[in-house]
All heavy atoms as atom14 arrays in JSON, in Angstrom:
{
  "sequence": "DTYAIGWFRQAPGKEREGVSCINYSGGSTNYRDSVKGR",
  "atom14_mask": [
    [1, 1, 1, 1, 1, 1, 1, 1, 0, 0, 0, 0, 0, 0],
    [1, 1, 1, 1, 1, 1, 1, 0, 0, 0, 0, 0, 0, 0],
    [1, 1, 1, 1, 1, 1, 1, 1, 1, 1, 1, 1, 0, 0],
    [1, 1, 1, 1, 1, 0, 0, 0, 0, 0, 0, 0, 0, 0],
    [1, 1, 1, 1, 1, 1, 1, 1, 0, 0, 0, 0, 0, 0],
    [1, 1, 1, 1, 0, 0, 0, 0, 0, 0, 0, 0, 0, 0],
    [1, 1, 1, 1, 1, 1, 1, 1, 1, 1, 1, 1, 1, 1],
    [1, 1, 1, 1, 1, 1, 1, 1, 1, 1, 1, 0, 0, 0],
    [1, 1, 1, 1, 1, 1, 1, 1, 1, 1, 1, 0, 0, 0],
    [1, 1, 1, 1, 1, 1, 1, 1, 1, 0, 0, 0, 0, 0],
    [1, 1, 1, 1, 1, 0, 0, 0, 0, 0, 0, 0, 0, 0],
    [1, 1, 1, 1, 1, 1, 1, 0, 0, 0, 0, 0, 0, 0],
    [1, 1, 1, 1, 0, 0, 0, 0, 0, 0, 0, 0, 0, 0],
    [1, 1, 1, 1, 1, 1, 1, 1, 1, 0, 0, 0, 0, 0],
    [1, 1, 1, 1, 1, 1, 1, 1, 1, 0, 0, 0, 0, 0],
    [1, 1, 1, 1, 1, 1, 1, 1, 1, 1, 1, 0, 0, 0],
    [1, 1, 1, 1, 1, 1, 1, 1, 1, 0, 0, 0, 0, 0],
    [1, 1, 1, 1, 0, 0, 0, 0, 0, 0, 0, 0, 0, 0],
    [1, 1, 1, 1, 1, 1, 1, 0, 0, 0, 0, 0, 0, 0],
    [1, 1, 1, 1, 1, 1, 0, 0, 0, 0, 0, 0, 0, 0],
    [1, 1, 1, 1, 1, 1, 0, 0, 0, 0, 0, 0, 0, 0],
    [1, 1, 1, 1, 1, 1, 1, 1, 0, 0, 0, 0, 0, 0],
    [1, 1, 1, 1, 1, 1, 1, 1, 0, 0, 0, 0, 0, 0],
    [1, 1, 1, 1, 1, 1, 1, 1, 1, 1, 1, 1, 0, 0],
    [1, 1, 1, 1, 1, 1, 0, 0, 0, 0, 0, 0, 0, 0],
    [1, 1, 1, 1, 0, 0, 0, 0, 0, 0, 0, 0, 0, 0],
    [1, 1, 1, 1, 0, 0, 0, 0, 0, 0, 0, 0, 0, 0],
    [1, 1, 1, 1, 1, 1, 0, 0, 0, 0, 0, 0, 0, 0],
    [1, 1, 1, 1, 1, 1, 1, 0, 0, 0, 0, 0, 0, 0],
    [1, 1, 1, 1, 1, 1, 1, 1, 0, 0, 0, 0, 0, 0],
    [1, 1, 1, 1, 1, 1, 1, 1, 1, 1, 1, 1, 0, 0],
    [1, 1, 1, 1, 1, 1, 1, 1, 1, 1, 1, 0, 0, 0],
    [1, 1, 1, 1, 1, 1, 1, 1, 0, 0, 0, 0, 0, 0],
    [1, 1, 1, 1, 1, 1, 0, 0, 0, 0, 0, 0, 0, 0],
    [1, 1, 1, 1, 1, 1, 1, 0, 0, 0, 0, 0, 0, 0],
    [1, 1, 1, 1, 1, 1, 1, 1, 1, 0, 0, 0, 0, 0],
    [1, 1, 1, 1, 0, 0, 0, 0, 0, 0, 0, 0, 0, 0],
    [1, 1, 1, 1, 1, 1, 1, 1, 1, 1, 1, 0, 0, 0]
  ],
  "atom14_positions": [
    [[-4.29, -21.22, 0.5], [-3.88, -20.05, 1.31], [-3.88, -18.83, 0.42], [-3.32, -18.84, -0.67], [-2.5, -20.25, 1.88], [-2.51, -21.17, 3.11], [-3.52, -21.24, 3.78], [-1.48, -21.8, 3.35], [0.0, 0.0, 0.0], [0.0, 0.0, 0.0], [0.0, 0.0, 0.0], [0.0, 0.0, 0.0], [0.0, 0.0, 0.0], [0.0, 0.0, 0.0]],
    [[-4.53, -17.81, 0.89], [-4.55, -16.54, 0.12], [-4.2, -15.39, 1.01], [-4.42, -15.44, 2.27], [-5.96, -16.31, -0.49], [-6.95, -16.23, 0.57], [-6.34, -17.43, -1.44], [0.0, 0.0, 0.0], [0.0, 0.0, 0.0], [0.0, 0.0, 0.0], [0.0, 0.0, 0.0], [0.0, 0.0, 0.0], [0.0, 0.0, 0.0], [0.0, 0.0, 0.0]],
    [[-3.67, -14.38, 0.48], [-3.19, -13.24, 1.27], [-3.2, -11.96, 0.46], [-2.99, -11.97, -0.74], [-1.77, -13.52, 1.78], [-0.79, -13.86, 0.69], [0.03, -12.89, 0.12], [-0.69, -15.15, 0.21], [0.91, -13.2, -0.89], [0.18, -15.46, -0.86], [0.99, -14.5, -1.36], [1.83, -14.8, -2.4], [0.0, 0.0, 0.0], [0.0, 0.0, 0.0]],
    [[-3.48, -10.88, 1.16], [-3.34, -9.57, 0.58], [-1.92, -9.07, 0.84], [-1.26, -9.5, 1.8], [-4.33, -8.61, 1.18], [0.0, 0.0, 0.0], [0.0, 0.0, 0.0], [0.0, 0.0, 0.0], [0.0, 0.0, 0.0], [0.0, 0.0, 0.0], [0.0, 0.0, 0.0], [0.0, 0.0, 0.0], [0.0, 0.0, 0.0], [0.0, 0.0, 0.0]],
    [[-1.44, -8.18, 0.04], [-0.09, -7.56, 0.2], [-0.26, -6.07, 0.3], [-0.96, -5.42, -0.48], [0.83, -7.93, -0.94], [1.22, -9.39, -0.91], [2.08, -7.03, -0.9], [2.16, -9.76, 0.22], [0.0, 0.0, 0.0], [0.0, 0.0, 0.0], [0.0, 0.0, 0.0], [0.0, 0.0, 0.0], [0.0, 0.0, 0.0], [0.0, 0.0, 0.0]],
    [[0.41, -5.51, 1.28], [0.45, -4.06, 1.41], [1.9, -3.57, 1.29], [2.83, -4.26, 1.66], [0.0, 0.0, 0.0], [0.0, 0.0, 0.0], [0.0, 0.0, 0.0], [0.0, 0.0, 0.0], [0.0, 0.0, 0.0], [0.0, 0.0, 0.0], [0.0, 0.0, 0.0], [0.0, 0.0, 0.0], [0.0, 0.0, 0.0], [0.0, 0.0, 0.0]],
    [[2.05, -2.4, 0.73], [3.35, -1.72, 0.74], [3.26, -0.53, 1.71], [2.32, 0.26, 1.68], [3.66, -1.2, -0.68], [4.15, -2.23, -1.61], [3.43, -2.9, -2.54], [5.48, -2.72, -1.71], [4.21, -3.79, -3.24], [5.49, -3.71, -2.75], [6.7, -2.49, -1.04], [6.65, -4.4, -3.13], [7.82, -3.2, -1.41], [7.79, -4.15, -2.45]],
    [[4.32, -0.44, 2.49], [4.45, 0.64, 3.48], [5.8, 1.28, 3.3], [6.7, 0.68, 2.71], [4.29, 0.11, 4.91], [2.94, -0.53, 5.15], [2.68, -1.82, 4.72], [1.94, 0.17, 5.8], [1.41, -2.4, 4.97], [0.7, -0.38, 6.03], [0.44, -1.66, 5.59], [0.0, 0.0, 0.0], [0.0, 0.0, 0.0], [0.0, 0.0, 0.0]],
    [[5.98, 2.48, 3.82], [7.28, 3.12, 3.75], [7.55, 3.96, 5.0], [6.62, 4.4, 5.67], [7.38, 4.02, 2.5], [6.48, 5.23, 2.52], [6.54, 5.95, 1.18], [5.68, 7.15, 1.17], [5.46, 7.88, 0.09], [6.03, 7.59, -1.1], [4.69, 8.97, 0.14], [0.0, 0.0, 0.0], [0.0, 0.0, 0.0], [0.0, 0.0, 0.0]],
    [[8.84, 4.11, 5.3], [9.23, 4.89, 6.46], [10.38, 5.79, 6.06], [11.48, 5.26, 5.7], [9.58, 4.0, 7.64], [9.84, 4.81, 8.91], [9.87, 3.91, 10.12], [10.12, 2.7, 10.05], [9.61, 4.52, 11.3], [0.0, 0.0, 0.0], [0.0, 0.0, 0.0], [0.0, 0.0, 0.0], [0.0, 0.0, 0.0], [0.0, 0.0, 0.0]],
    [[10.19, 7.06, 6.12], [11.24, 8.02, 5.85], [11.99, 8.33, 7.14], [11.43, 8.17, 8.24], [10.64, 9.28, 5.24], [0.0, 0.0, 0.0], [0.0, 0.0, 0.0], [0.0, 0.0, 0.0], [0.0, 0.0, 0.0], [0.0, 0.0, 0.0], [0.0, 0.0, 0.0], [0.0, 0.0, 0.0], [0.0, 0.0, 0.0], [0.0, 0.0, 0.0]],
    [[13.23, 8.8, 7.03], [13.99, 9.15, 8.25], [13.24, 10.13, 9.14], [12.77, 11.15, 8.67], [15.28, 9.74, 7.69], [15.41, 9.18, 6.34], [14.02, 9.01, 5.82], [0.0, 0.0, 0.0], [0.0, 0.0, 0.0], [0.0, 0.0, 0.0], [0.0, 0.0, 0.0], [0.0, 0.0, 0.0], [0.0, 0.0, 0.0], [0.0, 0.0, 0.0]],
    [[13.14, 9.8, 10.41], [12.49, 10.68, 11.37], [10.96, 10.73, 11.29], [10.36, 11.52, 11.96], [0.0, 0.0, 0.0], [0.0, 0.0, 0.0], [0.0, 0.0, 0.0], [0.0, 0.0, 0.0], [0.0, 0.0, 0.0], [0.0, 0.0, 0.0], [0.0, 0.0, 0.0], [0.0, 0.0, 0.0], [0.0, 0.0, 0.0], [0.0, 0.0, 0.0]],
    [[10.41, 9.86, 10.48], [8.93, 9.85, 10.34], [8.36, 8.49, 10.67], [9.08, 7.49, 10.67], [8.53, 10.25, 8.9], [8.9, 11.68, 8.55], [8.36, 12.05, 7.17], [8.67, 13.52, 6.85], [8.07, 13.91, 5.5], [0.0, 0.0, 0.0], [0.0, 0.0, 0.0], [0.0, 0.0, 0.0], [0.0, 0.0, 0.0], [0.0, 0.0, 0.0]],
    [[7.07, 8.44, 10.91], [6.39, 7.18, 11.19], [6.18, 6.42, 9.87], [6.1, 7.01, 8.82], [5.06, 7.4, 11.92], [5.21, 8.0, 13.32], [3.86, 8.06, 14.03], [2.86, 7.82, 13.4], [3.9, 8.36, 15.25], [0.0, 0.0, 0.0], [0.0, 0.0, 0.0], [0.0, 0.0, 0.0], [0.0, 0.0, 0.0], [0.0, 0.0, 0.0]],
    [[6.06, 5.12, 10.01], [5.74, 4.29, 8.85], [4.35, 4.62, 8.36], [3.43, 4.78, 9.19], [5.92, 2.83, 9.18], [5.88, 1.93, 7.98], [6.57, 0.59, 8.22], [6.07, -0.13, 9.39], [6.6, -1.23, 9.86], [7.66, -1.74, 9.28], [6.08, -1.86, 10.94], [0.0, 0.0, 0.0], [0.0, 0.0, 0.0], [0.0, 0.0, 0.0]],
    [[4.18, 4.67, 7.05], [2.87, 4.95, 6.49], [2.5, 3.99, 5.38], [3.38, 3.44, 4.7], [2.84, 6.39, 5.94], [3.84, 6.67, 4.8], [3.85, 8.1, 4.33], [3.42, 8.98, 5.09], [4.35, 8.34, 3.21], [0.0, 0.0, 0.0], [0.0, 0.0, 0.0], [0.0, 0.0, 0.0], [0.0, 0.0, 0.0], [0.0, 0.0, 0.0]],
    [[1.22, 3.78, 5.19], [0.78, 2.89, 4.14], [0.85, 3.55, 2.79], [0.55, 4.72, 2.69], [0.0, 0.0, 0.0], [0.0, 0.0, 0.0], [0.0, 0.0, 0.0], [0.0, 0.0, 0.0], [0.0, 0.0, 0.0], [0.0, 0.0, 0.0], [0.0, 0.0, 0.0], [0.0, 0.0, 0.0], [0.0, 0.0, 0.0], [0.0, 0.0, 0.0]],
    [[1.24, 2.77, 1.76], [1.38, 3.31, 0.44], [0.34, 2.73, -0.5], [-0.37, 3.47, -1.19], [2.77, 2.99, -0.1], [2.9, 3.44, -1.57], [3.84, 3.63, 0.76], [0.0, 0.0, 0.0], [0.0, 0.0, 0.0], [0.0, 0.0, 0.0], [0.0, 0.0, 0.0], [0.0, 0.0, 0.0], [0.0, 0.0, 0.0], [0.0, 0.0, 0.0]],
    [[0.2, 1.4, -0.51], [-0.71, 0.73, -1.43], [-0.99, -0.7, -0.95], [-0.25, -1.22, -0.12], [-0.1, 0.69, -2.86], [-0.98, 0.14, -3.78], [0.0, 0.0, 0.0], [0.0, 0.0, 0.0], [0.0, 0.0, 0.0], [0.0, 0.0, 0.0], [0.0, 0.0, 0.0], [0.0, 0.0, 0.0], [0.0, 0.0, 0.0], [0.0, 0.0, 0.0]],
    [[-2.04, -1.27, -1.46], [-2.32, -2.66, -1.16], [-3.1, -3.31, -2.32], [-3.67, -2.61, -3.17], [-3.12, -2.78, 0.14], [-4.79, -2.12, 0.06], [0.0, 0.0, 0.0], [0.0, 0.0, 0.0], [0.0, 0.0, 0.0], [0.0, 0.0, 0.0], [0.0, 0.0, 0.0], [0.0, 0.0, 0.0], [0.0, 0.0, 0.0], [0.0, 0.0, 0.0]],
    [[-3.08, -4.65, -2.33], [-3.81, -5.4, -3.32], [-4.29, -6.69, -2.71], [-3.53, -7.32, -1.94], [-2.95, -5.64, -4.57], [-3.73, -6.33, -5.69], [-1.69, -6.47, -4.22], [-2.98, -6.33, -7.02], [0.0, 0.0, 0.0], [0.0, 0.0, 0.0], [0.0, 0.0, 0.0], [0.0, 0.0, 0.0], [0.0, 0.0, 0.0], [0.0, 0.0, 0.0]],
    [[-5.52, -7.09, -2.99], [-5.98, -8.36, -2.42], [-5.52, -9.52, -3.3], [-4.86, -9.33, -4.38], [-7.49, -8.37, -2.22], [-8.27, -8.38, -3.53], [-7.71, -8.27, -4.61], [-9.58, -8.51, -3.41], [0.0, 0.0, 0.0], [0.0, 0.0, 0.0], [0.0, 0.0, 0.0], [0.0, 0.0, 0.0], [0.0, 0.0, 0.0], [0.0, 0.0, 0.0]],
    [[-5.83, -10.75, -2.88], [-5.26, -11.9, -3.6], [-5.77, -12.01, -5.0], [-5.05, -12.35, -5.92], [-5.57, -13.18, -2.81], [-4.87, -14.41, -3.33], [-3.54, -14.61, -3.0], [-5.52, -15.31, -4.17], [-2.87, -15.73, -3.49], [-4.85, -16.39, -4.66], [-3.54, -16.61, -4.34], [-2.85, -17.7, -4.81], [0.0, 0.0, 0.0], [0.0, 0.0, 0.0]],
    [[-7.05, -11.73, -5.21], [-7.63, -11.83, -6.52], [-7.18, -10.71, -7.46], [-7.31, -10.82, -8.68], [-9.16, -11.84, -6.46], [-9.64, -10.55, -6.11], [0.0, 0.0, 0.0], [0.0, 0.0, 0.0], [0.0, 0.0, 0.0], [0.0, 0.0, 0.0], [0.0, 0.0, 0.0], [0.0, 0.0, 0.0], [0.0, 0.0, 0.0], [0.0, 0.0, 0.0]],
    [[-6.65, -9.62, -6.91], [-6.24, -8.48, -7.66], [-7.39, -7.51, -7.97], [-7.18, -6.48, -8.58], [0.0, 0.0, 0.0], [0.0, 0.0, 0.0], [0.0, 0.0, 0.0], [0.0, 0.0, 0.0], [0.0, 0.0, 0.0], [0.0, 0.0, 0.0], [0.0, 0.0, 0.0], [0.0, 0.0, 0.0], [0.0, 0.0, 0.0], [0.0, 0.0, 0.0]],
    [[-8.58, -7.87, -7.5], [-9.75, -7.04, -7.79], [-9.88, -5.83, -6.86], [-10.73, -4.94, -7.11], [0.0, 0.0, 0.0], [0.0, 0.0, 0.0], [0.0, 0.0, 0.0], [0.0, 0.0, 0.0], [0.0, 0.0, 0.0], [0.0, 0.0, 0.0], [0.0, 0.0, 0.0], [0.0, 0.0, 0.0], [0.0, 0.0, 0.0], [0.0, 0.0, 0.0]],
    [[-9.13, -5.79, -5.8], [-9.19, -4.69, -4.83], [-7.79, -4.09, -4.69], [-6.84, -4.81, -4.35], [-9.7, -5.13, -3.49], [-9.59, -4.12, -2.52], [0.0, 0.0, 0.0], [0.0, 0.0, 0.0], [0.0, 0.0, 0.0], [0.0, 0.0, 0.0], [0.0, 0.0, 0.0], [0.0, 0.0, 0.0], [0.0, 0.0, 0.0], [0.0, 0.0, 0.0]],
    [[-7.67, -2.82, -4.97], [-6.41, -2.12, -4.75], [-6.7, -0.81, -4.02], [-7.85, -0.3, -4.09], [-5.66, -1.82, -6.06], [-6.5, -1.0, -6.89], [-5.3, -3.1, -6.79], [0.0, 0.0, 0.0], [0.0, 0.0, 0.0], [0.0, 0.0, 0.0], [0.0, 0.0, 0.0], [0.0, 0.0, 0.0], [0.0, 0.0, 0.0], [0.0, 0.0, 0.0]],
    [[-5.68, -0.26, -3.4], [-5.82, 1.0, -2.67], [-4.51, 1.74, -2.72], [-3.44, 1.1, -2.75], [-6.19, 0.7, -1.2], [-7.41, 1.38, -0.75], [-7.7, 2.5, -1.17], [-8.16, 0.71, 0.1], [0.0, 0.0, 0.0], [0.0, 0.0, 0.0], [0.0, 0.0, 0.0], [0.0, 0.0, 0.0], [0.0, 0.0, 0.0], [0.0, 0.0, 0.0]],
    [[-4.58, 3.07, -2.72], [-3.38, 3.89, -2.75], [-3.57, 5.07, -1.82], [-4.67, 5.61, -1.65], [-3.12, 4.43, -4.14], [-2.93, 3.39, -5.18], [-4.0, 2.9, -5.93], [-1.64, 2.9, -5.49], [-3.81, 1.92, -6.89], [-1.46, 1.96, -6.46], [-2.57, 1.46, -7.17], [-2.37, 0.51, -8.15], [0.0, 0.0, 0.0], [0.0, 0.0, 0.0]],
    [[-2.46, 5.51, -1.2], [-2.54, 6.77, -0.46], [-2.61, 7.91, -1.49], [-2.15, 7.77, -2.61], [-1.36, 6.96, 0.48], [-0.03, 7.19, -0.17], [1.06, 7.36, 0.89], [0.84, 8.5, 1.79], [0.47, 8.41, 3.05], [0.32, 7.22, 3.61], [0.31, 9.51, 3.77], [0.0, 0.0, 0.0], [0.0, 0.0, 0.0], [0.0, 0.0, 0.0]],
    [[-3.24, 8.99, -1.05], [-3.49, 10.09, -2.01], [-2.27, 10.61, -2.72], [-2.25, 10.91, -3.9], [-4.2, 11.23, -1.28], [-5.66, 10.9, -0.92], [-6.19, 9.91, -1.48], [-6.21, 11.65, -0.11], [0.0, 0.0, 0.0], [0.0, 0.0, 0.0], [0.0, 0.0, 0.0], [0.0, 0.0, 0.0], [0.0, 0.0, 0.0], [0.0, 0.0, 0.0]],
    [[-1.15, 10.66, -1.97], [0.06, 11.29, -2.53], [0.71, 10.47, -3.63], [1.6, 11.01, -4.35], [1.08, 11.56, -1.41], [1.48, 10.37, -0.83], [0.0, 0.0, 0.0], [0.0, 0.0, 0.0], [0.0, 0.0, 0.0], [0.0, 0.0, 0.0], [0.0, 0.0, 0.0], [0.0, 0.0, 0.0], [0.0, 0.0, 0.0], [0.0, 0.0, 0.0]],
    [[0.31, 9.23, -3.82], [0.91, 8.4, -4.87], [-0.06, 7.99, -5.97], [0.33, 7.39, -6.96], [1.57, 7.1, -4.28], [2.56, 7.44, -3.16], [0.5, 6.1, -3.84], [0.0, 0.0, 0.0], [0.0, 0.0, 0.0], [0.0, 0.0, 0.0], [0.0, 0.0, 0.0], [0.0, 0.0, 0.0], [0.0, 0.0, 0.0], [0.0, 0.0, 0.0]],
    [[-1.32, 8.39, -5.8], [-2.32, 8.05, -6.82], [-1.92, 8.67, -8.16], [-1.53, 9.82, -8.22], [-3.7, 8.57, -6.37], [-4.34, 7.74, -5.3], [-5.69, 8.27, -4.92], [-6.33, 7.46, -3.81], [-7.65, 8.0, -3.35], [0.0, 0.0, 0.0], [0.0, 0.0, 0.0], [0.0, 0.0, 0.0], [0.0, 0.0, 0.0], [0.0, 0.0, 0.0]],
    [[-2.04, 7.88, -9.21], [-1.69, 8.33, -10.54], [-0.21, 8.18, -10.87], [0.19, 8.32, -12.0], [0.0, 0.0, 0.0], [0.0, 0.0, 0.0], [0.0, 0.0, 0.0], [0.0, 0.0, 0.0], [0.0, 0.0, 0.0], [0.0, 0.0, 0.0], [0.0, 0.0, 0.0], [0.0, 0.0, 0.0], [0.0, 0.0, 0.0], [0.0, 0.0, 0.0]],
    [[0.59, 7.87, -9.84], [2.04, 7.69, -10.08], [2.47, 6.26, -9.82], [3.38, 5.75, -10.46], [2.84, 8.63, -9.18], [2.55, 10.09, -9.39], [3.52, 10.98, -8.62], [3.42, 10.8, -7.19], [4.48, 10.44, -6.4], [5.67, 10.23, -6.93], [4.3, 10.35, -5.13], [0.0, 0.0, 0.0], [0.0, 0.0, 0.0], [0.0, 0.0, 0.0]]
  ]
}
């Protein structure tokens, strides 16, 4: 069994948004623009 993991966040009064993700092998990652580099 393999799975990707995503991180999401929800601030008060705002919709939930995607932050980052990684696939099972670790070879694929993604970030929202506002957190890239941090």
